[in-house]
Amino acid sequence: MTSQSKGSVQLAAAMVLSGTLGVFVVESGASPFNVVFFRVLFGALALGGYILARGWFRERGLGFTPRTLGLAVLGGVFIVFNWVLLFESYENTSISVATVVYHTQPFYVVLLGALLFRERITAAKAGWIGVAFAGLILVSGIRPGDLSASGDYVIGLGQALLAALLYGLSTVVTKRITGVRPHLIALVQVLVGIPLLLPFADFGAMAGTGADWGWLVGLGVIHTGLMYVLMYAAYAQLPTPKIAVLAFVYPAVAMVVDWAVYGHHIGLVQALGVPLIVTASLKVTLARRSASAPAPGTAGRAPEAASRPATPVASEA
């Protein structure tokens, strides 16, 4: 098996795992804050164990400076609350709708880059963002009269959009960290979530959880530890176009799983919006990554080259 073939299998496997995340969240029966608290707790143990086994804790300074450590912590704040909002959106809409709406992340990254760092938005990018917005309207299934309502569905759509915004903020912050292994950045980000979410966690509600603990452990070990390891291994072997295309395995699997397990499916009109968002996201992501991102082949080879974000664009929930 060639290096690219192996990387493709690894990234596809990571995206399939990501597509099953919603089921683990729902089946755990826990509140979104509790779900994320235990995800970061078990995820930190899984990532920490992997990093320890690889011997990366012995590297001098771990590659962090006060500035990059601060950026990693700030990115962790954004990513943790992004998870909370996304999981709340599952409850108010459906896994399928929330996941597709959540995949507006690349457009937020472009807009935030323009707003915060004066990065230029070309006419083509602006046009694709407009196409994605049209797709978003179709996927949401909202009619003009629904906007005046205060129903849970509309709130859920807003939560998914806000989650995508926080993910975009985390990506913009994290991609300015260089010289640090992405696994270490991810570990810092999940560790930040433990004290951050502790005041919001309701341990009393977990007393009767019983076998549902397995779902929470799975979110940390499988959907955080294993999934990150697979993604970063794949990134070191794949070109940007293949990474961008394989990222959409995630929403596709999420939609299939939501239909198979819960019987949820999007309507015909909503389905028309999916290819609009997918196509526009690919166009914007590929244009941005080819212009500014480091070559995929440099990631994971040495701490100095490990500069990919710990929050991969449009791929991880």
Protein backbone atom coordinates (compact mmCIF):
# COMPACT_ATOMS: atom_id res chain seq x y z
CA MET A 1 0.00 0.00 0.00
CA THR A 2 1.42 3.39 -0.99
CA SER A 3 1.78 6.24 1.48
CA GLN A 4 -1.12 8.16 -0.09
CA SER A 5 -3.34 5.09 -0.10
CA LYS A 6 -2.61 4.49 3.56
CA GLY A 7 -3.31 8.13 4.36
CA SER A 8 -6.59 7.99 2.45
CA VAL A 9 -7.72 4.96 4.44
CA GLN A 10 -6.72 6.61 7.70
CA LEU A 11 -8.53 9.86 6.94
CA ALA A 12 -11.62 8.08 5.61
CA ALA A 13 -11.71 5.98 8.79
CA ALA A 14 -11.42 9.14 10.90
CA MET A 15 -14.29 10.78 9.01
CA VAL A 16 -16.47 7.68 9.37
CA LEU A 17 -15.84 7.75 13.12
CA SER A 18 -16.73 11.45 13.17
CA GLY A 19 -19.98 10.67 11.37
CA THR A 20 -21.04 8.35 14.21
CA LEU A 21 -20.36 10.96 16.89
CA GLY A 22 -23.96 12.16 17.02
CA VAL A 23 -25.24 8.72 17.99
CA PHE A 24 -22.78 8.53 20.89
CA VAL A 25 -23.91 11.97 22.08
CA VAL A 26 -27.63 11.15 21.91
CA GLU A 27 -27.35 7.63 23.31
CA SER A 28 -25.32 8.79 26.32
CA GLY A 29 -28.46 10.54 27.57
CA ALA A 30 -26.33 13.22 29.22
CA SER A 31 -26.69 16.98 28.89
CA PRO A 32 -24.43 18.71 26.33
CA PHE A 33 -22.26 20.21 29.07
CA ASN A 34 -21.82 16.82 30.75
CA VAL A 35 -21.12 15.15 27.39
CA VAL A 36 -18.38 17.63 26.52
CA PHE A 37 -16.89 17.53 30.03
CA PHE A 38 -16.44 13.78 29.92
CA ARG A 39 -15.35 13.91 26.29
CA VAL A 40 -12.46 16.21 27.15
CA LEU A 41 -11.65 14.23 30.29
CA PHE A 42 -11.44 10.84 28.57
CA GLY A 43 -10.01 12.46 25.43
CA ALA A 44 -7.16 14.00 27.44
CA LEU A 45 -6.36 10.59 28.95
CA ALA A 46 -6.37 8.95 25.50
CA LEU A 47 -4.26 11.64 23.81
CA GLY A 48 -1.93 11.89 26.79
CA GLY A 49 -1.39 8.13 26.75
CA TYR A 50 -0.58 8.16 23.04
CA ILE A 51 1.85 11.08 23.37
CA LEU A 52 3.51 9.38 26.35
CA ALA A 53 3.89 6.14 24.39
CA ARG A 54 5.51 8.05 21.48
CA GLY A 55 7.95 9.74 23.88
CA TRP A 56 6.98 13.26 22.85
CA PHE A 57 6.70 14.49 26.43
CA ARG A 58 10.49 14.17 26.65
CA GLU A 59 11.04 16.78 23.94
CA ARG A 60 12.52 19.95 25.37
CA GLY A 61 9.82 22.54 26.04
CA LEU A 62 7.39 20.53 23.91
CA GLY A 63 7.86 23.26 21.30
CA PHE A 64 5.63 25.76 23.11
CA THR A 65 6.47 29.37 23.87
CA PRO A 66 4.32 31.54 26.17
CA ARG A 67 2.68 33.01 23.05
CA THR A 68 1.91 29.71 21.34
CA LEU A 69 0.71 28.14 24.58
CA GLY A 70 -1.65 31.08 25.08
CA LEU A 71 -2.96 30.66 21.53
CA ALA A 72 -3.51 26.95 22.14
CA VAL A 73 -5.47 27.70 25.31
CA LEU A 74 -7.60 30.31 23.53
CA GLY A 75 -8.27 27.87 20.71
CA GLY A 76 -9.30 25.30 23.31
CA VAL A 77 -11.87 27.67 24.78
CA PHE A 78 -13.42 28.12 21.35
CA ILE A 79 -13.38 24.43 20.45
CA VAL A 80 -14.89 23.27 23.75
CA PHE A 81 -17.88 25.61 23.57
CA ASN A 82 -18.21 24.80 19.87
CA TRP A 83 -18.86 21.19 20.91
CA VAL A 84 -21.42 22.24 23.50
CA LEU A 85 -23.40 24.26 20.96
CA LEU A 86 -23.19 21.55 18.29
CA PHE A 87 -24.49 18.89 20.68
CA GLU A 88 -27.32 21.19 21.78
CA SER A 89 -28.16 21.65 18.11
CA TYR A 90 -28.52 17.87 17.74
CA GLU A 91 -31.30 18.01 20.31
CA ASN A 92 -33.16 20.91 18.71
CA THR A 93 -32.86 19.94 15.04
CA SER A 94 -31.38 16.58 14.02
CA ILE A 95 -27.90 15.16 13.58
CA SER A 96 -28.24 15.47 9.79
CA VAL A 97 -29.33 19.10 9.65
CA ALA A 98 -26.97 20.22 12.41
CA THR A 99 -23.99 18.53 10.72
CA VAL A 100 -24.65 20.04 7.29
CA VAL A 101 -25.19 23.53 8.74
CA TYR A 102 -22.04 23.05 10.84
CA HIS A 103 -20.06 22.54 7.65
CA THR A 104 -20.23 26.25 6.91
CA GLN A 105 -16.97 26.44 8.92
CA PRO A 106 -14.68 27.21 5.94
CA PHE A 107 -16.62 30.35 5.13
CA TYR A 108 -16.24 31.66 8.66
CA VAL A 109 -12.48 31.08 8.43
CA VAL A 110 -12.34 33.14 5.23
CA LEU A 111 -14.50 35.93 6.67
CA LEU A 112 -12.59 35.99 9.98
CA GLY A 113 -9.30 36.14 8.09
CA ALA A 114 -10.55 39.17 6.20
CA LEU A 115 -11.92 40.83 9.33
CA LEU A 116 -9.05 40.14 11.72
CA PHE A 117 -6.03 39.93 9.45
CA ARG A 118 -7.15 41.85 6.37
CA GLU A 119 -6.81 38.79 4.17
CA ARG A 120 -8.21 39.50 0.71
CA ILE A 121 -11.52 37.95 -0.34
CA THR A 122 -11.60 37.48 -4.10
CA ALA A 123 -14.74 37.86 -6.15
CA ALA A 124 -14.75 34.09 -6.68
CA LYS A 125 -14.66 33.39 -2.94
CA ALA A 126 -17.43 35.92 -2.33
CA GLY A 127 -19.51 34.22 -5.01
CA TRP A 128 -19.00 30.76 -3.49
CA ILE A 129 -19.92 32.08 -0.05
CA GLY A 130 -23.15 33.35 -1.61
CA VAL A 131 -23.79 29.91 -3.13
CA ALA A 132 -23.22 28.30 0.27
CA PHE A 133 -25.64 30.75 1.89
CA ALA A 134 -28.30 29.77 -0.65
CA GLY A 135 -27.62 26.12 0.15
CA LEU A 136 -27.89 26.86 3.85
CA ILE A 137 -31.33 28.41 3.38
CA LEU A 138 -32.48 25.29 1.51
CA VAL A 139 -31.02 22.86 4.05
CA SER A 140 -32.53 24.73 6.99
CA GLY A 141 -36.03 24.12 5.63
CA ILE A 142 -37.18 27.40 7.15
CA ARG A 143 -39.95 29.32 5.46
CA PRO A 144 -40.17 33.12 5.85
CA GLY A 145 -43.04 32.74 8.33
CA ASP A 146 -40.92 30.51 10.56
CA LEU A 147 -38.45 33.29 11.29
CA SER A 148 -40.94 34.99 13.57
CA ALA A 149 -41.37 31.84 15.63
CA SER A 150 -39.24 31.02 18.66
CA GLY A 151 -39.30 27.28 18.17
CA ASP A 152 -36.52 24.90 19.13
CA TYR A 153 -35.73 24.15 15.49
CA VAL A 154 -34.77 27.74 14.70
CA ILE A 155 -32.75 27.90 17.91
CA GLY A 156 -30.98 24.68 16.93
CA LEU A 157 -30.01 26.12 13.55
CA GLY A 158 -28.57 29.16 15.29
CA GLN A 159 -26.62 26.91 17.65
CA ALA A 160 -25.10 25.00 14.73
CA LEU A 161 -24.12 28.25 13.02
CA LEU A 162 -22.61 29.64 16.22
CA ALA A 163 -20.75 26.35 16.75
CA ALA A 164 -19.30 26.70 13.25
CA LEU A 165 -18.25 30.28 14.06
CA LEU A 166 -16.43 29.14 17.22
CA TYR A 167 -14.76 26.36 15.23
CA GLY A 168 -13.66 28.96 12.70
CA LEU A 169 -12.22 31.14 15.48
CA SER A 170 -10.34 28.15 16.88
CA THR A 171 -8.94 27.36 13.43
CA VAL A 172 -7.83 30.96 12.81
CA VAL A 173 -6.11 31.09 16.22
CA THR A 174 -4.54 27.63 16.08
CA LYS A 175 -3.09 27.93 12.59
CA ARG A 176 -0.82 30.68 13.94
CA ILE A 177 0.92 28.11 16.15
CA THR A 178 4.08 26.76 14.53
CA GLY A 179 6.81 24.42 15.71
CA VAL A 180 4.49 22.33 17.90
CA ARG A 181 3.19 18.85 17.23
CA PRO A 182 -0.56 19.01 16.49
CA HIS A 183 -1.19 16.19 18.99
CA LEU A 184 0.24 18.38 21.75
CA ILE A 185 -1.89 21.33 20.69
CA ALA A 186 -4.97 19.10 20.74
CA LEU A 187 -4.02 17.82 24.20
CA VAL A 188 -3.77 21.39 25.53
CA GLN A 189 -7.15 22.21 24.02
CA VAL A 190 -8.97 19.30 25.65
CA LEU A 191 -7.18 19.87 28.97
CA VAL A 192 -8.47 23.45 28.92
CA GLY A 193 -12.01 22.08 28.78
CA ILE A 194 -11.75 20.25 32.10
CA PRO A 195 -11.59 23.29 34.44
CA LEU A 196 -13.60 25.37 31.97
CA LEU A 197 -16.61 23.05 32.01
CA LEU A 198 -16.35 21.86 35.62
CA PRO A 199 -18.70 24.61 36.93
CA PHE A 200 -21.33 23.60 34.32
CA ALA A 201 -21.14 19.83 34.82
CA ASP A 202 -24.03 18.25 36.74
CA PHE A 203 -22.53 15.19 38.37
CA GLY A 204 -25.75 14.47 40.23
CA ALA A 205 -27.47 13.80 36.92
CA MET A 206 -24.87 11.13 36.14
CA ALA A 207 -25.77 8.95 39.14
CA GLY A 208 -28.09 6.66 37.16
CA THR A 209 -26.12 6.69 33.93
CA GLY A 210 -24.99 3.05 34.27
CA ALA A 211 -24.10 1.41 30.95
CA ASP A 212 -24.41 4.78 29.19
CA TRP A 213 -20.93 5.57 30.52
CA GLY A 214 -19.68 3.48 27.61
CA TRP A 215 -20.92 6.09 25.16
CA LEU A 216 -19.10 8.86 27.03
CA VAL A 217 -15.87 6.88 27.23
CA GLY A 218 -16.22 6.22 23.50
CA LEU A 219 -16.53 9.94 22.77
CA GLY A 220 -13.22 10.56 24.50
CA VAL A 221 -11.22 7.51 23.47
CA ILE A 222 -12.64 6.94 19.95
CA HIS A 223 -13.92 10.32 18.77
CA THR A 224 -11.13 12.38 20.32
CA GLY A 225 -8.06 10.20 20.93
CA LEU A 226 -8.19 7.70 18.08
CA MET A 227 -9.78 10.08 15.58
CA TYR A 228 -7.14 12.79 16.07
CA VAL A 229 -4.33 10.25 15.76
CA LEU A 230 -5.75 8.93 12.48
CA MET A 231 -6.26 12.43 11.08
CA TYR A 232 -2.78 13.69 11.84
CA ALA A 233 -1.18 10.52 10.48
CA ALA A 234 -3.19 10.99 7.28
CA TYR A 235 -2.36 14.69 6.94
CA ALA A 236 1.34 13.88 6.75
CA GLN A 237 0.75 11.73 3.67
CA LEU A 238 -1.99 13.42 1.66
CA PRO A 239 -2.17 16.44 -0.67
CA THR A 240 -4.60 19.21 0.21
CA PRO A 241 -7.22 18.40 -2.48
CA LYS A 242 -7.63 14.83 -1.22
CA ILE A 243 -7.92 16.01 2.40
CA ALA A 244 -10.63 18.49 1.41
CA VAL A 245 -12.64 15.88 -0.51
CA LEU A 246 -12.37 13.16 2.15
CA ALA A 247 -13.52 15.63 4.82
CA PHE A 248 -17.03 15.34 3.37
CA VAL A 249 -17.20 11.67 4.29
CA TYR A 250 -18.11 13.00 7.75
CA PRO A 251 -21.44 14.71 6.93
CA ALA A 252 -22.37 11.94 4.49
CA VAL A 253 -21.92 9.25 7.15
CA ALA A 254 -23.68 11.41 9.75
CA MET A 255 -26.74 11.71 7.50
CA VAL A 256 -26.82 7.96 6.77
CA VAL A 257 -26.41 7.07 10.45
CA ASP A 258 -29.09 9.55 11.52
CA TRP A 259 -31.51 7.96 9.04
CA ALA A 260 -30.57 4.35 9.91
CA VAL A 261 -30.68 4.77 13.70
CA TYR A 262 -33.31 7.45 14.28
CA GLY A 263 -35.25 7.56 11.01
CA HIS A 264 -34.38 11.21 10.48
CA HIS A 265 -33.86 12.37 6.93
CA ILE A 266 -33.84 15.70 5.17
CA GLY A 267 -36.56 16.52 2.66
CA LEU A 268 -36.17 16.90 -1.09
CA VAL A 269 -35.87 20.68 -1.03
CA GLN A 270 -33.37 20.49 1.85
CA ALA A 271 -31.36 17.89 -0.08
CA LEU A 272 -30.93 20.37 -2.93
CA GLY A 273 -28.93 22.60 -0.61
CA VAL A 274 -26.39 19.94 0.35
CA PRO A 275 -24.42 19.89 -2.95
CA LEU A 276 -24.39 23.70 -2.95
CA ILE A 277 -22.71 23.78 0.47
CA VAL A 278 -20.37 20.90 -0.37
CA THR A 279 -19.25 22.39 -3.70
CA ALA A 280 -18.82 25.90 -2.33
CA SER A 281 -16.92 24.61 0.71
CA LEU A 282 -14.54 22.63 -1.48
CA LYS A 283 -13.90 25.61 -3.74
CA VAL A 284 -13.22 27.97 -0.84
CA THR A 285 -11.17 25.46 1.17
CA LEU A 286 -8.96 24.43 -1.74
CA ALA A 287 -8.35 28.04 -2.77
CA ARG A 288 -7.45 29.07 0.78
CA ARG A 289 -5.34 26.03 1.66
CA SER A 290 -3.35 26.08 -1.58
CA ALA A 291 -2.57 29.75 -1.08
CA SER A 292 -1.59 29.74 2.60
CA ALA A 293 -1.23 26.31 4.17
CA PRO A 294 2.01 24.37 4.58
CA ALA A 295 2.52 21.35 2.38
CA PRO A 296 0.81 18.28 3.83
CA GLY A 297 4.01 16.31 3.54
CA THR A 298 5.71 18.44 6.21
CA ALA A 299 3.25 17.71 9.00
CA GLY A 300 4.17 15.19 11.64
CA ARG A 301 7.82 14.76 10.61
CA ALA A 302 9.35 16.99 13.24
CA PRO A 303 8.15 19.47 15.87
CA GLU A 304 9.36 22.36 13.70
CA ALA A 305 7.21 21.23 10.78
CA ALA A 306 4.13 20.24 12.72
CA SER A 307 2.13 23.39 12.07
CA ARG A 308 -1.23 22.05 10.96
CA PRO A 309 -4.13 23.23 13.10
CA ALA A 310 -5.28 20.96 15.92
CA THR A 311 -8.76 21.71 14.67
CA PRO A 312 -8.70 20.45 11.06
CA VAL A 313 -10.77 22.61 8.76
CA ALA A 314 -14.25 21.26 7.97
CA SER A 315 -13.56 17.80 9.25
CA GLU A 316 -13.87 17.35 12.95
CA ALA A 317 -16.81 17.76 15.31
